[in-house]
Protein backbone atom coordinates (compact mmCIF):
# COMPACT_ATOMS: atom_id res chain seq x y z
CA MET A 1 117.25 110.28 84.72
CA THR A 2 115.46 112.10 87.66
CA SER A 3 117.59 115.48 86.66
CA LEU A 4 115.49 115.50 83.60
CA GLU A 5 113.33 118.56 83.23
CA GLY A 6 109.86 118.18 85.07
CA ALA A 7 110.81 114.71 86.42
CA VAL A 8 109.99 114.20 90.32
CA ASP A 9 111.07 111.64 92.48
CA ALA A 10 107.73 110.28 93.57
CA THR A 11 109.17 108.13 96.50
CA ARG A 12 110.28 111.13 98.26
CA GLN A 13 107.45 113.49 98.24
CA ASP A 14 105.89 115.33 101.07
CA GLY A 15 102.44 113.67 101.24
CA GLY A 16 100.55 116.73 99.74
CA TYR A 17 100.17 115.87 96.07
CA PRO A 18 96.70 114.36 95.53
CA ARG A 19 97.66 111.61 93.28
CA PRO A 20 100.86 110.31 94.70
CA GLN A 21 101.60 107.40 91.69
CA LEU A 22 101.48 110.21 88.81
CA VAL A 23 102.91 113.38 89.83
CA ARG A 24 104.01 116.51 87.87
CA ALA A 25 106.11 119.03 88.91
CA ALA A 26 103.72 121.81 88.09
CA TRP A 27 100.13 122.06 89.79
CA HIS A 28 97.92 124.35 92.08
CA ASP A 29 96.04 123.22 94.84
CA MET A 30 92.41 124.60 94.92
CA SER A 31 91.94 124.14 98.59
CA GLY A 32 90.66 126.98 100.80
CA ASP A 33 88.17 129.44 100.76
CA TRP A 34 85.09 129.06 98.15
CA ASP A 35 81.80 130.77 98.14
CA PHE A 36 78.95 128.24 99.54
CA ALA A 37 75.25 128.01 99.05
CA ARG A 38 72.65 125.45 100.51
CA ASP A 39 69.83 124.38 98.16
CA ASP A 40 67.44 122.41 100.46
CA ASP A 41 64.64 122.38 98.00
CA MET A 42 66.99 121.77 95.05
CA THR A 43 65.38 124.39 92.77
CA ALA A 44 68.65 126.53 92.57
CA THR A 45 69.84 126.89 88.85
CA LEU A 46 73.16 128.18 87.84
CA ALA A 47 71.95 131.44 86.82
CA ASP A 48 69.99 132.31 90.34
CA VAL A 49 71.90 130.36 92.95
CA HIS A 50 72.64 132.74 96.03
CA PHE A 51 76.18 132.12 97.53
CA ASP A 52 75.71 133.80 100.86
CA ARG A 53 78.51 132.08 102.76
CA SER A 54 82.10 130.77 102.54
CA ILE A 55 83.24 127.18 102.92
CA VAL A 56 87.01 125.55 103.41
CA VAL A 57 87.43 123.41 100.82
CA PRO A 58 87.93 120.06 101.07
CA PHE A 59 86.00 119.74 104.37
CA PRO A 60 82.49 118.79 104.01
CA PRO A 61 80.11 121.48 105.34
CA GLU A 62 78.79 119.17 108.22
CA SER A 63 82.11 119.61 109.58
CA PRO A 64 83.42 122.19 111.88
CA ALA A 65 86.94 122.60 109.84
CA SER A 66 84.51 123.76 106.95
CA GLY A 67 83.42 126.75 108.71
CA ILE A 68 79.89 125.74 107.93
CA ASN A 69 79.36 123.19 110.54
CA GLU A 70 75.68 122.37 109.61
CA ALA A 71 75.35 118.67 110.41
CA GLY A 72 71.75 118.44 109.37
CA PHE A 73 70.48 116.89 106.03
CA LEU A 74 71.91 118.98 103.06
CA PRO A 75 70.37 117.38 100.33
CA CYS A 76 71.99 119.85 97.69
CA VAL A 77 74.83 122.30 98.00
CA TRP A 78 76.78 124.74 95.72
CA TYR A 79 80.33 125.80 95.53
CA ARG A 80 82.32 128.76 93.55
CA ARG A 81 85.67 129.84 93.23
CA THR A 82 87.48 132.08 90.83
CA PHE A 83 91.11 131.51 89.61
CA GLY A 84 93.04 133.10 87.22
CA VAL A 85 96.58 133.77 85.36
CA GLU A 86 98.83 133.02 88.64
CA GLU A 87 97.00 129.85 89.56
CA LEU A 88 97.22 128.76 85.71
CA ARG A 89 100.86 129.58 85.63
CA ALA A 90 101.35 127.44 89.01
CA ALA A 91 99.48 124.60 87.39
CA GLY A 92 101.88 124.57 84.60
CA PHE A 93 100.17 126.79 81.81
CA ASP A 94 102.33 127.46 79.03
CA SER A 95 102.48 127.25 75.15
CA GLU A 96 103.16 123.67 75.64
CA ARG A 97 100.80 122.83 78.20
CA THR A 98 97.40 124.31 77.22
CA ARG A 99 95.21 121.43 78.17
CA THR A 100 93.88 122.45 81.78
CA LEU A 101 92.42 119.70 84.07
CA LEU A 102 90.32 120.32 87.21
CA HIS A 103 90.81 117.46 89.42
CA PHE A 104 88.24 116.36 92.17
CA GLY A 105 89.44 113.64 94.34
CA ALA A 106 86.02 113.15 95.61
CA VAL A 107 82.41 114.70 95.69
CA ASP A 108 79.71 112.90 97.51
CA HIS A 109 77.44 112.03 95.68
CA ALA A 110 76.51 113.53 92.41
CA ALA A 111 78.17 116.45 90.92
CA GLN A 112 77.98 118.96 88.11
CA VAL A 113 80.92 121.30 87.47
CA TRP A 114 80.95 124.57 85.09
CA VAL A 115 83.77 126.95 84.33
CA ASN A 116 82.56 130.37 82.87
CA GLY A 117 79.10 129.11 82.41
CA GLU A 118 79.90 125.95 80.45
CA LEU A 119 79.10 122.40 81.83
CA VAL A 120 82.77 120.78 81.60
CA ALA A 121 81.94 117.54 83.95
CA THR A 122 79.20 115.50 85.38
CA HIS A 123 79.98 112.60 88.06
CA VAL A 124 78.18 110.09 90.09
CA GLY A 125 79.91 108.43 92.75
CA GLY A 126 80.89 109.96 96.38
CA GLN A 127 84.18 108.02 96.91
CA SER A 128 85.58 107.91 93.24
CA PRO A 129 87.65 110.76 91.63
CA PHE A 130 87.11 112.64 88.30
CA THR A 131 88.46 115.16 86.17
CA ALA A 132 87.03 118.05 84.18
CA ASP A 133 88.72 119.10 81.01
CA VAL A 134 88.09 122.70 81.12
CA SER A 135 90.20 123.75 78.30
CA SER A 136 87.48 124.78 75.89
CA ALA A 137 85.76 127.03 78.69
CA LEU A 138 89.04 128.57 79.70
CA ARG A 139 90.14 132.40 79.77
CA PRO A 140 93.89 132.19 80.12
CA GLU A 141 94.47 135.74 80.28
CA SER A 142 91.56 136.63 82.64
CA ASP A 143 89.81 135.46 85.68
CA ASN A 144 87.71 131.93 85.36
CA VAL A 145 84.64 130.83 87.74
CA VAL A 146 84.12 127.43 88.38
CA VAL A 147 80.93 126.21 90.04
CA VAL A 148 80.08 123.14 91.45
CA ARG A 149 76.87 121.45 92.17
CA ALA A 150 76.35 118.44 94.50
CA VAL A 151 73.53 116.34 95.50
CA ASP A 152 73.49 113.65 98.18
CA LEU A 153 70.16 112.80 99.36
CA PRO A 154 70.16 111.59 102.80
CA ASP A 155 67.69 108.95 102.56
CA ASP A 156 68.55 107.33 99.52
CA VAL A 157 69.83 103.89 100.49
CA SER A 158 70.45 102.37 97.15
CA VAL A 159 73.72 104.70 96.88
CA PRO A 160 76.88 103.60 98.86
CA ARG A 161 76.64 105.29 102.07
CA GLY A 162 78.98 103.39 104.14
CA LYS A 163 78.82 104.81 107.77
CA GLN A 164 76.99 107.91 106.88
CA ASP A 165 73.87 107.86 109.21
CA TRP A 166 70.35 107.99 107.14
CA ARG A 167 68.69 109.58 110.37
CA GLU A 168 69.57 113.27 111.21
CA GLU A 169 71.36 112.64 114.09
CA PRO A 170 74.08 109.89 114.51
CA HIS A 171 73.39 106.82 116.54
CA SER A 172 74.78 103.49 117.28
CA ILE A 173 77.88 102.98 114.79
CA TRP A 174 76.54 105.36 112.24
CA TYR A 175 78.28 109.16 111.83
CA HIS A 176 77.09 112.47 110.46
CA ARG A 177 76.91 112.62 106.53
CA THR A 178 79.57 113.98 104.28
CA THR A 179 78.01 116.16 101.81
CA GLY A 180 79.84 117.45 98.84
CA ILE A 181 83.65 118.13 98.09
CA TRP A 182 85.59 115.98 100.71
CA GLN A 183 89.15 115.25 99.21
CA PRO A 184 91.55 117.35 97.37
CA VAL A 185 90.65 119.89 94.09
CA TRP A 186 93.51 120.86 92.10
CA LEU A 187 94.71 122.27 88.76
CA GLU A 188 96.98 120.81 86.73
CA CYS A 189 98.18 121.83 82.85
CA VAL A 190 99.22 119.28 80.47
CA PRO A 191 100.47 118.78 76.61
CA ARG A 192 97.51 118.04 74.23
CA CYS A 193 99.29 114.44 73.88
CA SER A 194 99.96 113.50 77.70
CA ILE A 195 100.32 110.32 79.96
CA GLU A 196 96.85 109.82 81.55
CA SER A 197 97.65 106.68 83.73
CA VAL A 198 100.54 104.54 84.80
CA THR A 199 99.39 100.94 86.18
CA TRP A 200 102.07 98.85 87.93
CA SER A 201 102.33 94.97 88.66
CA SER A 202 105.47 92.81 89.15
CA ASP A 203 106.53 89.42 88.91
CA ILE A 204 109.45 88.73 91.48
CA THR A 205 109.96 85.33 90.38
CA SER A 206 111.22 86.42 86.90
CA ALA A 207 112.47 89.76 88.12
CA THR A 208 110.26 91.60 86.04
CA VAL A 209 108.10 94.82 86.06
CA ASN A 210 105.01 95.41 84.19
CA LEU A 211 103.80 98.99 83.20
CA ALA A 212 100.45 100.11 81.44
CA VAL A 213 100.52 103.41 80.30
CA ARG A 214 97.32 105.04 79.13
CA LEU A 215 97.73 108.05 76.75
CA HIS A 216 95.79 111.26 75.85
CA GLY A 217 95.33 113.05 72.77
CA ASP A 218 96.36 112.32 69.09
CA VAL A 219 99.19 110.10 69.86
CA PRO A 220 102.19 110.36 67.08
CA ARG A 221 103.03 107.15 65.50
CA ASN A 222 106.90 107.51 66.09
CA SER A 223 106.55 108.48 69.80
CA TRP A 224 107.91 106.29 72.26
CA VAL A 225 107.28 105.74 76.21
CA ARG A 226 110.44 105.60 78.14
CA VAL A 227 110.61 104.28 81.78
CA VAL A 228 113.42 104.48 84.25
CA LEU A 229 113.55 102.55 87.47
CA GLU A 230 115.77 103.57 90.14
CA HIS A 231 116.71 102.81 93.96
CA GLU A 232 118.41 105.43 96.10
CA GLY A 233 119.63 107.25 92.90
CA GLY A 234 121.22 104.30 91.42
CA LEU A 235 119.76 102.86 88.12
CA LEU A 236 117.93 99.77 88.17
CA VAL A 237 116.98 99.42 84.78
CA GLU A 238 115.68 101.67 81.67
CA GLY A 239 113.19 100.74 78.84
CA ARG A 240 112.00 102.27 75.80
CA VAL A 241 108.88 100.92 73.41
CA ARG A 242 107.48 102.79 70.48
CA THR A 243 103.81 103.65 70.78
CA MET A 244 102.75 102.80 67.31
CA GLY A 245 100.12 105.68 67.71
CA GLU A 246 98.28 103.71 70.45
CA ARG A 247 96.56 105.19 73.66
CA SER A 248 97.36 102.13 75.37
CA CYS A 249 100.85 100.94 75.99
CA LEU A 250 102.26 98.04 77.48
CA MET A 251 106.06 97.31 78.83
CA ARG A 252 107.70 94.55 80.84
CA VAL A 253 111.34 95.13 81.78
CA VAL A 254 113.70 92.95 83.68
CA ILE A 255 115.63 94.35 86.84
CA PRO A 256 119.08 92.61 86.32
CA ARG A 257 119.96 93.02 89.80
CA GLN A 258 116.71 90.92 90.96
CA LEU A 259 118.12 87.55 89.12
CA ASN A 260 120.63 87.19 91.72
CA GLY A 261 118.64 84.82 94.14
CA GLN A 262 121.07 85.61 96.99
CA GLN A 263 119.99 89.72 97.11
CA TYR A 264 116.55 90.16 95.66
CA GLU A 265 114.76 90.20 98.58
CA GLU A 266 116.76 93.26 99.48
CA LEU A 267 114.77 95.21 97.32
CA LEU A 268 111.33 93.63 98.05
CA TRP A 269 108.63 95.53 99.81
CA SER A 270 107.28 94.43 103.43
CA PRO A 271 106.08 96.31 106.65
CA SER A 272 109.49 95.74 108.05
CA ASN A 273 111.29 96.78 104.82
CA PRO A 274 109.04 99.14 102.90
CA THR A 275 111.20 99.88 99.81
CA LEU A 276 109.80 101.65 97.12
CA ILE A 277 111.27 101.90 93.47
CA ALA A 278 111.21 105.45 92.20
CA ALA A 279 110.18 105.39 88.56
CA THR A 280 110.15 107.95 85.69
CA VAL A 281 107.82 107.56 82.84
CA VAL A 282 108.42 109.83 79.46
CA LEU A 283 106.38 110.13 76.43
CA GLU A 284 108.90 111.31 73.93
CA GLN A 285 109.68 111.99 70.34
CA THR A 286 112.06 109.64 68.10
CA ASP A 287 115.06 111.90 68.95
CA ALA A 288 114.25 111.49 72.84
CA THR A 289 112.82 115.09 72.92
CA PRO A 290 110.03 115.08 75.84
CA ILE A 291 106.56 115.49 75.51
CA ASP A 292 105.28 114.49 78.68
CA VAL A 293 107.22 113.50 82.02
CA VAL A 294 105.72 112.23 85.31
CA GLY A 295 107.11 110.84 88.44
CA SER A 296 105.67 107.52 90.03
CA TYR A 297 107.00 104.54 92.26
CA LEU A 298 106.26 101.14 92.75
CA GLY A 299 106.80 98.23 95.40
CA LEU A 300 108.08 94.65 94.41
CA ARG A 301 105.86 92.36 96.28
CA THR A 302 103.61 89.57 95.77
CA VAL A 303 100.51 88.34 97.86
CA ALA A 304 98.65 85.23 97.89
CA VAL A 305 97.17 82.75 100.47
CA SER A 306 97.82 79.07 101.50
CA THR A 307 95.46 77.10 103.31
CA GLU A 308 96.53 78.49 106.66
CA HIS A 309 98.29 81.74 106.13
CA LEU A 310 98.37 85.06 104.23
CA LEU A 311 101.79 85.07 102.32
CA LEU A 312 103.73 88.32 101.59
CA ASN A 313 106.43 87.61 99.11
CA ASP A 314 105.81 83.69 99.63
CA ARG A 315 106.12 83.99 103.36
CA PRO A 316 103.47 83.53 105.92
CA ILE A 317 102.83 86.84 107.67
CA ALA A 318 100.45 87.04 110.60
CA VAL A 319 98.15 89.93 110.10
CA ARG A 320 97.72 92.56 113.26
CA ALA A 321 95.13 94.73 111.79
CA ILE A 322 93.33 97.59 113.26
CA LEU A 323 89.81 98.83 112.14
CA ALA A 324 90.19 102.49 111.15
CA GLN A 325 87.39 104.75 110.54
CA ASN A 326 89.49 107.48 109.50
CA TYR A 327 87.24 109.92 110.88
CA TRP A 328 87.99 113.21 112.59
CA PRO A 329 86.07 115.44 114.98
CA GLU A 330 86.79 118.54 112.95
CA THR A 331 87.01 117.21 109.34
CA HIS A 332 84.87 114.20 109.46
CA LEU A 333 85.72 111.86 106.49
CA ALA A 334 87.98 114.29 105.07
CA ALA A 335 91.54 115.00 106.15
CA SER A 336 94.50 117.26 105.82
CA ALA A 337 97.73 115.63 104.28
CA GLU A 338 99.45 116.08 107.77
CA MET A 339 96.40 114.23 109.54
CA LEU A 340 96.54 111.19 106.98
CA ARG A 341 100.41 110.72 107.56
CA ARG A 342 99.88 111.30 111.51
CA GLU A 343 97.30 108.22 111.13
CA VAL A 344 99.59 105.85 109.56
CA GLU A 345 102.59 106.69 111.87
CA LEU A 346 100.13 106.09 114.87
CA ILE A 347 98.82 102.61 113.70
CA ILE A 348 102.26 101.41 113.26
CA ASP A 349 103.26 103.08 116.70
CA LEU A 350 100.43 101.01 118.37
CA GLY A 351 102.10 97.80 116.94
CA PHE A 352 99.69 96.82 113.99
CA ASN A 353 101.06 95.94 110.62
CA THR A 354 97.88 96.48 108.95
CA ALA A 355 94.82 98.81 108.74
CA ARG A 356 91.39 97.62 107.72
CA VAL A 357 89.97 101.01 106.36
CA HIS A 358 86.51 100.72 107.16
CA GLN A 359 83.26 101.43 104.59
CA LYS A 360 85.67 104.02 103.23
CA ALA A 361 87.68 104.50 100.01
CA GLU A 362 90.40 106.21 101.77
CA ASP A 363 92.38 109.23 100.18
CA PRO A 364 95.47 108.12 98.15
CA ARG A 365 97.84 110.44 100.20
CA PHE A 366 97.01 107.60 102.94
CA LEU A 367 97.95 105.02 100.83
CA TYR A 368 101.47 106.87 99.96
CA TRP A 369 102.44 106.91 103.69
CA ALA A 370 101.21 103.16 103.98
CA ASP A 371 103.48 102.36 101.09
CA ARG A 372 106.27 104.47 102.45
CA LEU A 373 106.14 103.73 105.86
CA GLY A 374 105.13 100.55 105.64
CA LEU A 375 101.71 99.47 106.71
CA MET A 376 99.50 96.88 104.83
CA VAL A 377 95.99 97.75 104.00
CA TRP A 378 92.84 96.00 103.64
CA ALA A 379 90.94 98.20 100.91
CA GLU A 380 87.20 98.57 101.21
CA THR A 381 84.68 100.99 100.07
CA ALA A 382 81.41 102.44 101.29
CA ASN A 383 78.34 99.89 100.93
CA ALA A 384 74.94 100.54 100.09
CA TYR A 385 71.73 99.49 102.74
CA ALA A 386 69.35 98.21 100.02
CA PHE A 387 69.50 95.48 97.23
CA ASP A 388 68.05 96.69 93.98
CA ALA A 389 69.13 97.43 90.46
CA ARG A 390 70.48 101.17 91.32
CA ALA A 391 72.51 99.75 94.35
CA VAL A 392 74.17 96.77 92.28
CA SER A 393 75.18 99.32 89.39
CA ALA A 394 76.38 102.02 91.50
CA LEU A 395 78.57 99.74 93.66
CA MET A 396 79.99 97.94 90.60
CA GLN A 397 80.80 101.14 88.81
CA GLU A 398 82.34 102.88 91.76
CA TRP A 399 84.26 99.74 92.88
CA THR A 400 85.93 99.52 89.43
CA THR A 401 87.15 102.92 89.52
CA ILE A 402 88.68 102.76 93.01
CA VAL A 403 90.26 99.06 92.50
CA GLN A 404 91.83 101.10 89.02
CA ARG A 405 92.81 104.00 90.84
CA ASP A 406 94.56 102.21 93.88
CA LEU A 407 95.88 98.68 92.66
CA SER A 408 99.34 99.68 92.01
CA HIS A 409 99.97 100.65 95.85
CA PRO A 410 102.09 97.89 97.29
CA SER A 411 100.33 98.37 100.70
CA ILE A 412 96.94 97.11 99.63
CA VAL A 413 97.14 93.41 100.37
CA VAL A 414 93.59 92.74 100.47
CA TRP A 415 90.21 93.85 98.68
CA VAL A 416 86.91 93.85 100.33
CA PRO A 417 84.07 95.12 98.38
CA LEU A 418 81.17 93.87 100.97
CA ASN A 419 80.93 93.96 104.89
CA GLU A 420 78.46 92.34 106.88
CA SER A 421 75.93 91.55 104.28
CA TRP A 422 75.15 95.61 104.27
CA GLY A 423 72.96 95.97 100.95
CA VAL A 424 72.60 92.00 100.76
CA GLN A 425 70.91 91.51 104.24
CA HIS A 426 69.29 88.26 102.79
CA ILE A 427 72.30 86.59 100.95
CA ALA A 428 71.92 83.35 102.96
CA HIS A 429 69.04 82.50 101.06
CA ASP A 430 68.50 84.88 98.33
CA GLU A 431 70.23 83.57 94.98
CA ARG A 432 70.34 87.11 93.50
CA GLN A 433 72.36 88.39 96.21
CA GLN A 434 74.70 85.72 96.31
CA ALA A 435 75.43 86.17 92.61
CA PHE A 436 75.92 89.62 93.26
CA SER A 437 78.57 89.11 96.06
CA ARG A 438 80.06 86.30 93.93
CA SER A 439 80.03 88.76 90.67
CA ILE A 440 81.61 91.78 92.50
CA ALA A 441 84.55 89.46 94.08
CA ASP A 442 85.17 87.92 90.54
CA LEU A 443 85.07 91.64 89.05
CA THR A 444 87.85 92.42 91.56
CA ARG A 445 89.75 89.33 90.31
CA ALA A 446 89.37 90.42 86.59
CA LEU A 447 90.45 94.09 87.39
CA ASP A 448 93.27 92.98 89.74
CA GLY A 449 94.59 89.04 90.04
CA SER A 450 97.22 89.67 92.10
CA ARG A 451 95.65 90.06 95.68
CA PRO A 452 93.28 88.00 97.65
CA VAL A 453 89.61 89.08 97.69
CA VAL A 454 87.17 88.92 100.63
CA SER A 455 83.90 88.47 99.31
CA ASN A 456 81.53 89.61 102.41
CA ASP A 457 83.68 90.35 105.33
CA GLY A 458 82.36 88.99 108.52
CA TRP A 459 80.12 86.18 107.57
CA GLU A 460 78.04 84.73 104.66
CA HIS A 461 81.03 84.14 102.27
CA THR A 462 80.35 83.48 98.82
CA ALA A 463 83.58 83.67 96.87
CA SER A 464 86.18 84.64 99.68
CA ASP A 465 89.92 83.97 99.64
CA ILE A 466 90.25 84.08 103.12
CA TRP A 467 87.45 83.48 105.85
CA THR A 468 86.79 86.14 108.08
CA ILE A 469 84.75 86.34 111.18
CA HIS A 470 83.23 89.15 113.31
CA ASP A 471 82.91 88.36 117.01
CA TYR A 472 82.25 90.85 119.83
CA GLU A 473 82.23 88.51 122.67
CA SER A 474 83.58 90.15 125.65
CA ASP A 475 85.24 87.38 127.78
CA PRO A 476 88.97 86.69 126.71
CA GLN A 477 88.43 82.97 127.90
CA VAL A 478 85.59 82.37 125.69
CA LEU A 479 87.51 83.99 122.76
CA ALA A 480 90.50 81.80 123.54
CA ASP A 481 88.61 78.35 123.74
CA ARG A 482 86.73 79.34 120.59
CA TYR A 483 89.54 80.04 118.25
CA GLY A 484 92.26 77.96 119.91
CA ASP A 485 91.15 74.90 119.05
CA ASP A 486 91.26 74.16 115.08
CA ARG A 487 88.52 71.26 115.03
CA ARG A 488 86.11 73.55 116.82
CA LEU A 489 86.87 76.59 114.56
CA ARG A 490 86.26 74.23 111.54
CA THR A 491 82.94 73.28 112.89
CA MET A 492 81.93 77.03 113.02
CA LEU A 493 82.70 77.75 109.70
CA GLU A 494 80.45 74.85 108.46
CA GLY A 495 77.59 76.50 110.25
CA PHE A 496 76.67 79.78 112.42
CA GLY A 497 79.26 82.00 113.58
CA PRO A 498 79.29 84.33 116.88
CA ALA A 499 76.72 86.67 115.41
CA GLY A 500 74.27 83.92 114.39
CA ARG A 501 74.91 84.26 110.89
CA ARG A 502 75.72 81.46 108.62
CA MET A 503 79.54 81.50 108.02
CA THR A 504 79.07 80.63 104.13
CA ALA A 505 76.39 81.12 101.72
CA ALA A 506 77.87 78.75 99.31
CA GLY A 507 78.15 75.40 100.60
CA ARG A 508 81.01 73.50 102.56
CA PRO A 509 83.87 75.83 102.89
CA GLU A 510 86.99 75.22 101.15
CA ARG A 511 90.35 75.19 103.53
CA LEU A 512 91.29 78.75 103.72
CA PRO A 513 93.08 81.12 106.09
CA VAL A 514 90.97 82.23 108.85
CA MET A 515 90.91 85.63 110.44
CA VAL A 516 88.83 87.31 113.36
CA THR A 517 88.46 90.92 111.28
CA GLU A 518 86.44 92.45 113.76
CA PHE A 519 86.44 92.05 117.62
CA GLY A 520 86.78 94.03 121.05
CA GLY A 521 85.12 97.21 120.44
CA VAL A 522 85.62 97.97 124.29
CA SER A 523 84.14 101.23 125.28
CA LEU A 524 85.66 103.25 128.15
CA SER A 525 82.67 105.35 129.08
CA THR A 526 83.43 108.79 130.59
CA GLY A 527 79.66 108.79 131.64
CA GLY A 528 78.72 111.08 128.57
CA GLU A 529 75.49 110.63 127.06
CA GLY A 530 75.16 108.23 124.31
CA ASP A 531 78.56 106.74 124.92
CA TRP A 532 78.39 103.51 122.84
CA GLY A 533 80.41 100.39 122.50
CA TYR A 534 79.94 96.51 122.19
CA SER A 535 81.05 96.18 125.78
CA THR A 536 82.07 98.61 128.37
CA GLU A 537 84.11 99.43 131.36
CA THR A 538 84.12 102.62 133.43
CA ASP A 539 87.51 102.29 135.00
CA PRO A 540 90.66 102.84 133.05
CA ALA A 541 92.66 99.92 134.60
CA ALA A 542 89.63 97.55 134.10
CA PHE A 543 89.49 98.86 130.16
CA GLU A 544 93.35 97.94 129.87
CA ALA A 545 93.15 95.07 131.49
CA ARG A 546 89.96 93.72 129.31
CA VAL A 547 91.40 95.28 126.16
CA THR A 548 94.90 93.48 126.14
CA ALA A 549 93.44 90.27 127.59
CA ILE A 550 90.85 90.15 124.40
CA ILE A 551 93.93 90.86 122.09
CA ARG A 552 96.27 88.48 123.75
CA ALA A 553 93.53 85.78 123.35
CA VAL A 554 93.01 86.12 119.88
CA GLY A 555 96.43 87.06 119.05
CA SER A 556 97.62 83.69 120.47
CA ALA A 557 95.07 81.41 118.52
CA SER A 558 97.27 79.36 116.62
CA PRO A 559 94.55 78.33 113.88
CA LEU A 560 93.94 82.04 112.95
CA ALA A 561 96.37 83.62 110.38
CA GLY A 562 95.46 87.27 111.81
CA PHE A 563 93.32 89.60 113.49
CA CYS A 564 91.62 93.06 113.26
CA TYR A 565 90.92 94.95 116.31
CA THR A 566 87.82 97.42 116.62
CA GLN A 567 88.99 100.26 116.70
CA LEU A 568 91.53 102.84 116.44
CA THR A 569 89.80 105.81 117.87
CA ASP A 570 86.64 107.04 119.19
CA THR A 571 84.30 108.05 116.57
CA GLY A 572 81.32 109.98 117.69
CA GLN A 573 79.32 108.36 120.11
CA GLU A 574 81.01 105.05 119.22
CA THR A 575 83.63 105.40 122.22
CA ASN A 576 85.30 101.94 121.55
CA GLY A 577 88.54 103.00 120.36
CA LEU A 578 92.14 102.19 121.58
CA LEU A 579 92.49 106.24 121.06
CA TYR A 580 90.43 109.22 122.02
CA ALA A 581 88.91 111.06 118.97
CA ASP A 582 91.93 113.44 119.24
CA ARG A 583 94.30 110.52 118.97
CA THR A 584 95.40 110.73 122.46
CA PRO A 585 96.10 106.85 123.75
CA LYS A 586 93.65 105.71 126.33
CA ILE A 587 96.47 103.12 127.37
CA PRO A 588 100.17 103.84 127.31
CA ILE A 589 101.26 103.05 123.58
CA GLU A 590 104.03 100.74 124.70
CA ARG A 591 101.51 98.62 126.39
CA ILE A 592 99.17 98.62 123.59
CA ARG A 593 102.23 97.64 121.11
CA ALA A 594 103.23 94.87 123.68
CA ALA A 595 99.58 93.10 123.56
CA VAL A 596 99.40 93.43 119.64
CA ARG A 597 102.85 91.89 119.07
CA GLY A 598 102.14 89.28 121.56
CA THR A 599 105.20 90.35 124.20
CA ALA A 600 103.21 91.69 127.20
């Protein structure tokens, strides 16, 4: 089936395609040089904006890699680029594929897009993707001009900001801002009736895979959706369902080999066995003539919790996680495809089986490598700093888009919509903020009922499936005593945690798995001005001794279901990484790995 014209084996892509679970053979990457203009007073219009320099997309203008490298306040910026016949041909434009889509992975924070002077898209949300249908504005036989305006007010604390500093210079745990385009932009040409989205879920008990397909355009009543699932070139199952002219199509197929209970685990996805199932999805006519073809993939696995453990495929799995800011000195929150792959590889090499990507909805290309190489992910997003109607609405809307975009990735095992009461600072006693926390946790479960949800990571939980604690105690013995005794731990959960915050904002805690999801944060100070950490060592040997002792203390605490160490790399002035900002290890990798895996 994968020999069908236009089909792609999505399990073996090179990691460069921006939307890895819905892949078409033809597309055009719009990265590279664009014209650029600052608009600090926000008075420019499409007719009079003055483009006076060049920027390298998709790197934000605050970053050195962009070629702009201006890290001050940038409330409004403009971009311009020309594309023509060759780019359209590369994107698949022909007589059957005239609908031309311009995709944006993320533009921070509010964007307007014009093509040849026609407004083709508006979008609000700096972490979420959007698409402009530029067909009506297109000149297929000549050059086309795309212009993007991005507004990101640096002092607006009601929008989801994450780790982007509201002050001009970074301080403490906050970093330079990310303005404008910071994830891939690409062109894609599709048929007038086409596959718009595919969403996967599975039930390993009944050996079934569920597929939800969303179609675009006038869907012929006599058209069909066909799916073929394969593994290593061998056919697993093929199914076909008639669309009945509807744009939403649901299909359930049984994988016969998974009914054999003695072998079904061979195809299950886990960090030690990251098996991906290749999928080809075809929209076709009654005679099987393809209308549209996409490649995709899925992983067969389940995630749940017992009273004491996170369960992967109904087996307890100890979470050995690292807090990953995924921020680079040259590119800031943005990254190239190669950098994203290397980040996943480094985390695994260090002995961790999980990444908690912190205050950032990560590029799907990172999730592809997590899926393929076997790294579990706690999926988070940027939070606002204020609690008001705009903040509630903005986070709800953007989080919905992110969950829907990412829920088919087998690597994602936990959703985290809120962190440390950011944007709900008075949740301990404010019933409205408690209601918001419960609501966004339940919204997450409504969108995806297959994963645990942490309502507010660190403390002041309302509706969590896992109790998470943030604890930056620097004495390993204190940590060992605090978390090695189940009765003492349960007493803490009923009261106040290490940061002096209530552990629950919703009455007596249930019996749920407990994890320390932030700890460590030890800085190796090199004497640089502004070096910052939760605790500090100046001698490399002392740094190694403290870090490994802290990890051992928490990692060996039997009442805990897992941990997340802070953090992977130095980030700006926050010099508390296991690696320097350039990804060079401060401790030999094999010794970090031994501490993380408990073999030291």
